[in-house]
Amino acid sequence: MYLQELQLQHFRNYPTADLQLGQGINVLLGENAQGKTNLLEAIYVLALTRSHRTANDHDLVNWQAKTAKVSGRVVKSAGTVPLELTFSRQGKRAKVNHLEQARLSQYVGQLNVILFAPEDLAIVKGAPTVRRRFMDMEFGQMNPRYLYNLSQYRTLLKQRNRYLKDLQHKQKKDLLFLSVLSDQLAAFGAEIIMARLTMLKKLEHWAQAIHAEISQQREELTFHYATQVADDQLTDAKTICDALTALYAKQQEKELYQGTTLVGPHRDDLHFQVNGKNVQTFGSQGQQRTTALSVKLAEIDLMKEETGEYPVLLLDDVLSELDDARQTHLLTAIQDKVQTFITTTSLSGITRKLIKDPTIFHVADGTVVADGSPEQGDAATKED
């Protein structure tokens, strides 16, 4: 899978842009605050219908315009697929093959991307919500069923939390309805937990080999999914569902007092361990970075295993955060394997030696100009 072309209209600081992209490594070169990350964000948005930088879609629209459009052409083994997203005050519209999609869940998965930015080190050392978001975004791309279950779970969770607040404030009294919501939430929660366990086991397999290679076989990376469901009950969705239902009953008094749901996958966490120790708490900065890099590279292989296609890799100024050894491993691992987009202010000596025949785009103030290359030619985009 690769993105053959990308068009923008009134997206962030780009009035217009039309890029013909290389199948290998694409380098977005320019000073800070010129729009390099905006281009990566556009690709991310085209894949997932949402930004990794803002929860407000209107932030994506150029301040001089009322609507923004991101479109592109994805090449897969089965053929070429045109994608299009339009953002306006009325919401967003998604098209696949020029046909509007009734649900965004039908759109997600047409283009798979993996983003690796300096803040992704927070996957290891950040709050649990960061790791939950990581699992949901990545697994949702690979598994439409996971995305559906997650959407249903979030809707029910909001409804149950509102009802708990009503009970807390004595505006409602019917505990039977709370029990109905609990049963429904447990069913979807169990599917999410089971899917996470399955996918994490596969991701761990790929990450272990990468981590061992980077650490020269001195370290073993393992994952631990932290949930309130007992380990001996993490066997199948029905058993997990029954366990969650029992936990809701056990925690009911506390939930009524606090007015919120205290049990379920929205409270779970993922722990990374190196040689049996929690790298989040006891690992060095080097171990934390190696773990984050191993997990991100493992995603590439997992997506290939799950979807049959390699994803597009987005590296947002991440090379500056890695030492020479980790840079070398990263760039060697992706060379001739996945289409990659790298933002950087300069190509250092080691980077230039490791990147073979890159397609280079010079970015300045909402203008992108492509260097001549065997793949690229003299394509350019200019601000109107």
Protein backbone atom coordinates (compact mmCIF):
# COMPACT_ATOMS: atom_id res chain seq x y z
CA MET A 1 0.00 0.00 0.00
CA TYR A 2 1.19 3.49 -0.79
CA LEU A 3 -0.22 6.97 -1.29
CA GLN A 4 0.35 7.96 -4.90
CA GLU A 5 -0.87 11.54 -4.68
CA LEU A 6 -2.21 14.04 -2.15
CA GLN A 7 -4.35 17.12 -2.77
CA LEU A 8 -5.25 19.79 -0.23
CA GLN A 9 -7.71 22.66 -0.39
CA HIS A 10 -7.75 25.21 2.45
CA PHE A 11 -6.20 22.71 4.86
CA ARG A 12 -4.30 24.45 7.69
CA ASN A 13 -1.80 26.87 6.06
CA TYR A 14 -2.20 25.37 2.56
CA PRO A 15 -4.65 27.22 0.28
CA THR A 16 -3.95 24.48 -2.29
CA ALA A 17 -1.42 21.71 -2.77
CA ASP A 18 -1.07 18.86 -5.25
CA LEU A 19 1.73 16.39 -4.55
CA GLN A 20 2.89 13.41 -6.59
CA LEU A 21 4.54 11.14 -4.03
CA GLY A 22 7.39 8.66 -4.14
CA GLN A 23 6.79 5.01 -3.26
CA GLY A 24 9.83 4.91 -0.97
CA ILE A 25 11.06 7.55 1.46
CA ASN A 26 9.64 11.06 1.11
CA VAL A 27 11.49 13.78 3.00
CA LEU A 28 9.69 17.01 3.93
CA LEU A 29 12.54 19.45 4.42
CA GLY A 30 12.20 22.93 5.86
CA GLU A 31 12.48 25.25 8.84
CA ASN A 32 10.12 24.97 11.81
CA ALA A 33 6.55 26.35 11.59
CA GLN A 34 6.44 26.23 7.79
CA GLY A 35 3.86 23.43 7.38
CA LYS A 36 5.81 20.16 7.36
CA THR A 37 3.77 18.62 10.18
CA ASN A 38 0.57 19.91 8.55
CA LEU A 39 1.32 17.69 5.53
CA LEU A 40 1.79 14.64 7.74
CA GLU A 41 -1.39 15.56 9.58
CA ALA A 42 -3.25 15.70 6.26
CA ILE A 43 -2.17 12.13 5.44
CA TYR A 44 -3.14 10.99 8.95
CA VAL A 45 -6.53 12.68 8.60
CA LEU A 46 -7.06 11.11 5.17
CA ALA A 47 -6.55 7.70 6.78
CA LEU A 48 -8.42 8.07 10.06
CA THR A 49 -10.87 10.97 9.41
CA ARG A 50 -9.52 12.75 12.50
CA SER A 51 -6.40 14.61 13.53
CA HIS A 52 -3.82 13.46 16.05
CA ARG A 53 -3.25 17.10 17.06
CA THR A 54 -6.74 18.47 17.72
CA ALA A 55 -10.18 17.16 18.61
CA ASN A 56 -11.82 20.08 16.80
CA ASP A 57 -12.16 19.44 13.06
CA HIS A 58 -12.70 23.14 12.41
CA ASP A 59 -9.04 23.74 13.40
CA LEU A 60 -8.13 21.98 10.15
CA VAL A 61 -9.87 24.60 8.00
CA ASN A 62 -7.78 27.54 6.82
CA TRP A 63 -8.96 30.63 8.70
CA GLN A 64 -9.82 32.36 5.41
CA ALA A 65 -12.12 29.53 4.25
CA LYS A 66 -15.34 27.79 5.33
CA THR A 67 -14.46 24.29 4.18
CA ALA A 68 -11.33 22.17 3.80
CA LYS A 69 -10.74 19.16 1.60
CA VAL A 70 -8.12 16.41 1.73
CA SER A 71 -8.03 13.87 -1.07
CA GLY A 72 -5.63 11.28 -2.37
CA ARG A 73 -5.13 8.14 -4.38
CA VAL A 74 -4.15 4.95 -2.58
CA VAL A 75 -2.50 2.11 -4.49
CA LYS A 76 -3.11 -1.38 -3.09
CA SER A 77 -2.43 -4.86 -4.38
CA ALA A 78 -6.11 -5.08 -5.43
CA GLY A 79 -6.12 -1.76 -7.29
CA THR A 80 -6.24 2.02 -6.89
CA VAL A 81 -8.70 3.70 -4.50
CA PRO A 82 -9.50 7.44 -4.57
CA LEU A 83 -10.27 8.87 -1.10
CA GLU A 84 -11.77 12.24 -0.19
CA LEU A 85 -12.64 14.02 3.06
CA THR A 86 -14.43 17.36 3.34
CA PHE A 87 -14.63 19.35 6.58
CA SER A 88 -17.15 22.11 7.23
CA ARG A 89 -19.27 23.51 10.05
CA GLN A 90 -21.91 20.94 9.09
CA GLY A 91 -19.50 18.11 9.84
CA LYS A 92 -17.34 15.90 7.65
CA ARG A 93 -18.09 13.87 4.56
CA ALA A 94 -16.04 10.88 3.46
CA LYS A 95 -15.90 9.36 -0.02
CA VAL A 96 -14.35 6.12 -1.26
CA ASN A 97 -14.16 5.69 -5.03
CA HIS A 98 -16.20 8.94 -5.29
CA LEU A 99 -19.07 7.35 -3.31
CA GLU A 100 -20.08 9.00 -0.03
CA GLN A 101 -19.91 6.69 2.98
CA ALA A 102 -22.85 6.59 5.38
CA ARG A 103 -20.61 5.76 8.34
CA LEU A 104 -16.99 6.73 8.97
CA SER A 105 -16.32 3.18 10.18
CA GLN A 106 -16.87 2.08 6.56
CA TYR A 107 -14.16 4.51 5.47
CA VAL A 108 -11.42 3.86 8.04
CA GLY A 109 -9.04 1.12 6.91
CA GLN A 110 -8.85 2.18 3.26
CA LEU A 111 -5.49 3.80 4.03
CA ASN A 112 -3.50 2.51 6.99
CA VAL A 113 -0.91 4.77 8.61
CA ILE A 114 1.49 4.60 11.53
CA LEU A 115 2.58 7.90 13.07
CA PHE A 116 5.77 8.17 15.09
CA ALA A 117 6.49 11.56 16.65
CA PRO A 118 8.62 12.61 19.66
CA GLU A 119 5.49 12.67 21.84
CA ASP A 120 4.96 8.98 21.02
CA LEU A 121 7.63 8.24 23.61
CA ALA A 122 4.68 8.88 25.95
CA ILE A 123 3.38 5.48 24.86
CA VAL A 124 5.89 4.13 27.36
CA LYS A 125 6.17 6.80 30.03
CA GLY A 126 2.90 8.70 29.68
CA ALA A 127 -0.50 8.29 31.32
CA PRO A 128 -2.69 5.20 30.78
CA THR A 129 -5.02 7.20 28.54
CA VAL A 130 -2.16 7.56 26.02
CA ARG A 131 -1.71 3.79 25.77
CA ARG A 132 -5.46 3.17 25.52
CA ARG A 133 -5.66 5.68 22.68
CA PHE A 134 -2.70 3.96 21.02
CA MET A 135 -4.44 0.58 21.13
CA ASP A 136 -7.76 1.97 19.93
CA MET A 137 -6.32 3.96 17.01
CA GLU A 138 -4.02 1.21 15.75
CA PHE A 139 -6.26 -1.81 16.28
CA GLY A 140 -9.26 0.09 14.89
CA GLN A 141 -7.44 0.53 11.57
CA MET A 142 -6.76 -3.18 11.31
CA ASN A 143 -10.07 -4.52 12.54
CA PRO A 144 -13.43 -2.94 11.55
CA ARG A 145 -15.19 -5.07 14.18
CA TYR A 146 -12.99 -3.57 16.89
CA LEU A 147 -13.86 -0.08 15.67
CA TYR A 148 -17.60 -0.88 15.74
CA ASN A 149 -17.45 -2.38 19.25
CA LEU A 150 -15.46 0.60 20.48
CA SER A 151 -17.98 3.06 19.05
CA GLN A 152 -20.89 1.20 20.67
CA TYR A 153 -19.03 0.97 23.96
CA ARG A 154 -18.29 4.70 24.06
CA THR A 155 -21.93 5.56 23.33
CA LEU A 156 -23.18 3.25 26.10
CA LEU A 157 -20.49 4.49 28.50
CA LYS A 158 -21.65 8.09 28.08
CA GLN A 159 -25.26 6.99 28.60
CA ARG A 160 -24.40 4.97 31.71
CA ASN A 161 -22.32 7.79 33.19
CA ARG A 162 -25.16 10.26 32.64
CA TYR A 163 -27.57 7.86 34.35
CA LEU A 164 -25.18 7.38 37.28
CA LYS A 165 -25.05 11.17 37.66
CA ASP A 166 -28.86 11.30 37.64
CA LEU A 167 -28.97 8.61 40.33
CA GLN A 168 -26.29 10.43 42.31
CA HIS A 169 -28.35 13.63 42.27
CA LYS A 170 -31.59 11.72 43.02
CA GLN A 171 -33.05 12.69 39.63
CA LYS A 172 -33.53 8.99 38.80
CA LYS A 173 -34.28 6.00 41.02
CA ASP A 174 -34.59 2.97 38.70
CA LEU A 175 -31.63 0.65 39.38
CA LEU A 176 -33.06 -1.91 36.97
CA PHE A 177 -32.27 0.39 34.03
CA LEU A 178 -28.72 0.75 35.38
CA SER A 179 -28.46 -3.05 35.35
CA VAL A 180 -29.59 -3.14 31.69
CA LEU A 181 -26.94 -0.57 30.74
CA SER A 182 -24.34 -2.55 32.69
CA ASP A 183 -25.17 -5.76 30.81
CA GLN A 184 -24.91 -4.00 27.44
CA LEU A 185 -21.68 -2.25 28.37
CA ALA A 186 -20.16 -5.51 29.64
CA ALA A 187 -20.93 -7.27 26.34
CA PHE A 188 -19.14 -4.68 24.22
CA GLY A 189 -16.38 -4.22 26.82
CA ALA A 190 -15.65 -7.95 26.77
CA GLU A 191 -15.24 -7.90 22.97
CA ILE A 192 -12.81 -4.98 23.23
CA ILE A 193 -10.72 -6.60 25.97
CA MET A 194 -10.58 -9.92 24.09
CA ALA A 195 -9.53 -8.17 20.86
CA ARG A 196 -6.87 -6.16 22.68
CA LEU A 197 -5.43 -9.31 24.25
CA THR A 198 -5.29 -11.06 20.88
CA MET A 199 -3.72 -8.13 19.04
CA LEU A 200 -1.25 -7.35 21.83
CA LYS A 201 0.00 -10.93 21.79
CA LYS A 202 0.74 -10.60 18.08
CA LEU A 203 2.29 -7.15 18.49
CA GLU A 204 4.48 -8.44 21.34
CA HIS A 205 5.78 -11.20 19.08
CA TRP A 206 7.01 -8.72 16.47
CA ALA A 207 8.28 -6.19 19.03
CA GLN A 208 10.31 -8.76 20.97
CA ALA A 209 12.47 -9.63 17.98
CA ILE A 210 13.08 -5.97 17.11
CA HIS A 211 13.88 -5.00 20.71
CA ALA A 212 16.28 -7.92 21.09
CA GLU A 213 18.11 -6.88 17.92
CA ILE A 214 18.41 -3.21 18.95
CA SER A 215 19.63 -4.17 22.44
CA GLN A 216 22.05 -6.74 20.95
CA GLN A 217 20.15 -9.62 22.63
CA ARG A 218 20.72 -8.17 26.11
CA GLU A 219 17.07 -7.33 26.79
CA GLU A 220 13.72 -9.08 26.50
CA LEU A 221 10.58 -6.99 25.97
CA THR A 222 7.22 -8.28 27.23
CA PHE A 223 3.71 -6.80 27.41
CA HIS A 224 1.21 -6.99 30.25
CA TYR A 225 -2.41 -5.94 29.75
CA ALA A 226 -3.63 -4.51 33.06
CA THR A 227 -7.35 -4.95 33.67
CA GLN A 228 -9.63 -5.44 36.66
CA VAL A 229 -10.77 -8.76 35.22
CA ALA A 230 -8.79 -11.60 36.86
CA ASP A 231 -6.14 -13.29 34.72
CA ASP A 232 -7.85 -16.69 34.92
CA GLN A 233 -11.03 -15.13 33.48
CA LEU A 234 -9.31 -13.66 30.40
CA THR A 235 -10.14 -16.73 28.33
CA ASP A 236 -13.04 -15.79 26.04
CA ALA A 237 -15.53 -12.95 25.52
CA LYS A 238 -18.39 -14.64 27.45
CA THR A 239 -16.24 -15.27 30.53
CA ILE A 240 -14.94 -11.70 30.43
CA CYS A 241 -18.49 -10.39 30.02
CA ASP A 242 -19.64 -12.33 33.08
CA ALA A 243 -16.63 -11.03 35.04
CA LEU A 244 -17.39 -7.42 34.07
CA THR A 245 -21.05 -7.84 35.05
CA ALA A 246 -19.98 -9.15 38.46
CA LEU A 247 -17.55 -6.24 38.89
CA TYR A 248 -20.31 -3.71 38.10
CA ALA A 249 -22.46 -5.27 40.80
CA LYS A 250 -19.55 -5.22 43.26
CA GLN A 251 -18.68 -1.60 42.49
CA GLN A 252 -22.28 -0.32 42.27
CA GLU A 253 -22.32 1.53 45.58
CA LYS A 254 -19.02 3.23 44.82
CA GLU A 255 -20.12 4.13 41.28
CA LEU A 256 -23.37 5.61 42.59
CA TYR A 257 -21.36 7.71 45.05
CA GLN A 258 -18.88 8.95 42.43
CA GLY A 259 -21.35 9.17 39.55
CA THR A 260 -19.11 7.45 37.01
CA THR A 261 -18.26 4.00 35.63
CA LEU A 262 -15.21 2.55 37.39
CA VAL A 263 -14.86 -0.75 35.53
CA GLY A 264 -14.15 -1.62 31.89
CA PRO A 265 -11.61 -1.28 29.08
CA HIS A 266 -11.75 2.54 29.36
CA ARG A 267 -9.90 2.07 32.69
CA ASP A 268 -7.39 -0.55 31.53
CA ASP A 269 -3.69 -0.03 30.84
CA LEU A 270 -0.77 -1.59 28.99
CA HIS A 271 2.56 -2.15 30.75
CA PHE A 272 5.86 -2.69 28.94
CA GLN A 273 8.47 -4.76 30.76
CA VAL A 274 12.18 -5.13 29.97
CA ASN A 275 13.83 -8.14 31.58
CA GLY A 276 10.80 -8.45 33.86
CA LYS A 277 10.86 -4.85 35.12
CA ASN A 278 8.34 -2.15 34.25
CA VAL A 279 10.25 0.07 31.83
CA GLN A 280 7.84 2.93 32.51
CA THR A 281 8.95 3.08 36.16
CA PHE A 282 12.39 1.50 36.25
CA GLY A 283 13.71 1.81 32.70
CA SER A 284 16.37 4.25 31.58
CA GLN A 285 15.56 6.86 28.94
CA GLY A 286 17.42 4.71 26.41
CA GLN A 287 15.33 1.65 27.29
CA GLN A 288 12.12 3.68 27.05
CA ARG A 289 13.08 4.96 23.60
CA THR A 290 14.09 1.50 22.40
CA THR A 291 10.76 0.14 23.63
CA ALA A 292 8.78 2.87 21.85
CA LEU A 293 10.75 2.34 18.64
CA SER A 294 10.31 -1.44 18.85
CA VAL A 295 6.55 -1.11 19.31
CA LYS A 296 6.21 1.31 16.39
CA LEU A 297 8.27 -0.85 14.04
CA ALA A 298 6.35 -3.93 15.18
CA GLU A 299 3.11 -2.21 14.11
CA ILE A 300 4.34 -2.26 10.52
CA ASP A 301 4.65 -6.05 10.51
CA LEU A 302 1.41 -6.53 12.45
CA MET A 303 -0.56 -4.41 9.97
CA LYS A 304 0.90 -6.41 7.11
CA GLU A 305 -0.09 -9.64 8.90
CA GLU A 306 -3.63 -8.44 9.64
CA THR A 307 -4.51 -6.58 6.43
CA GLY A 308 -2.20 -8.06 3.81
CA GLU A 309 -0.78 -4.58 3.07
CA TYR A 310 2.09 -2.61 4.55
CA PRO A 311 0.96 0.72 6.07
CA VAL A 312 2.28 4.19 5.31
CA LEU A 313 4.77 5.38 7.94
CA LEU A 314 4.81 9.00 9.15
CA LEU A 315 7.92 10.15 11.05
CA ASP A 316 7.40 13.64 12.45
CA ASP A 317 10.79 15.05 13.48
CA VAL A 318 11.52 11.78 15.23
CA LEU A 319 15.06 11.36 13.87
CA SER A 320 16.29 14.26 16.00
CA GLU A 321 15.11 12.37 19.10
CA LEU A 322 17.04 9.17 18.29
CA ASP A 323 20.76 8.54 18.64
CA ASP A 324 22.80 7.27 15.69
CA ALA A 325 22.30 3.58 16.55
CA ARG A 326 18.51 3.85 16.78
CA GLN A 327 18.37 6.06 13.67
CA THR A 328 20.33 3.41 11.81
CA HIS A 329 18.00 0.62 12.93
CA LEU A 330 14.88 2.59 12.09
CA LEU A 331 15.96 3.65 8.61
CA THR A 332 17.43 0.24 7.77
CA ALA A 333 14.20 -1.48 8.87
CA ILE A 334 11.95 0.65 6.65
CA GLN A 335 14.17 0.96 3.57
CA ASP A 336 12.55 -0.68 0.52
CA LYS A 337 9.70 -1.91 2.75
CA VAL A 338 7.13 0.81 3.43
CA GLN A 339 6.31 4.21 1.99
CA THR A 340 7.62 6.70 4.54
CA PHE A 341 7.25 10.43 5.13
CA ILE A 342 9.93 12.13 7.23
CA THR A 343 9.81 15.73 8.44
CA THR A 344 13.15 17.28 9.30
CA THR A 345 14.96 20.62 9.31
CA SER A 346 18.09 19.04 7.83
CA LEU A 347 19.41 15.75 6.53
CA SER A 348 22.30 14.86 8.80
CA GLY A 349 25.29 12.90 7.58
CA ILE A 350 24.11 9.58 8.97
CA THR A 351 20.58 10.09 7.68
CA ARG A 352 21.72 11.00 4.17
CA LYS A 353 23.94 7.91 4.03
CA LEU A 354 21.10 5.62 5.11
CA ILE A 355 18.30 6.96 2.93
CA LYS A 356 18.51 5.60 -0.59
CA ASP A 357 17.06 7.71 -3.44
CA PRO A 358 14.66 9.80 -1.33
CA THR A 359 11.99 12.04 -2.82
CA ILE A 360 12.66 15.43 -1.26
CA PHE A 361 10.08 18.19 -0.84
CA HIS A 362 11.12 21.67 0.27
CA VAL A 363 8.45 23.23 2.49
CA ALA A 364 8.23 26.97 3.16
CA ASP A 365 5.20 28.98 4.28
CA GLY A 366 2.48 26.79 2.79
CA THR A 367 4.43 26.10 -0.42
CA VAL A 368 5.88 22.70 -1.35
CA VAL A 369 8.45 22.24 -4.10
CA ALA A 370 9.72 18.79 -5.05
CA ASP A 371 13.33 18.10 -6.00
CA GLY A 372 13.93 16.31 -9.28
CA SER A 373 14.42 12.57 -8.72
CA PRO A 374 14.05 9.32 -10.69
CA GLU A 375 10.52 8.92 -9.34
CA GLN A 376 9.42 12.46 -8.81
CA GLY A 377 10.52 14.58 -11.75
CA ASP A 378 9.95 18.31 -11.32
CA ALA A 379 6.52 18.30 -9.73
CA ALA A 380 5.75 21.29 -7.56
CA THR A 381 2.91 22.88 -5.71
CA LYS A 382 2.60 26.57 -5.15
CA GLU A 383 0.50 28.84 -3.01
CA ASP A 384 -2.15 30.72 -4.98
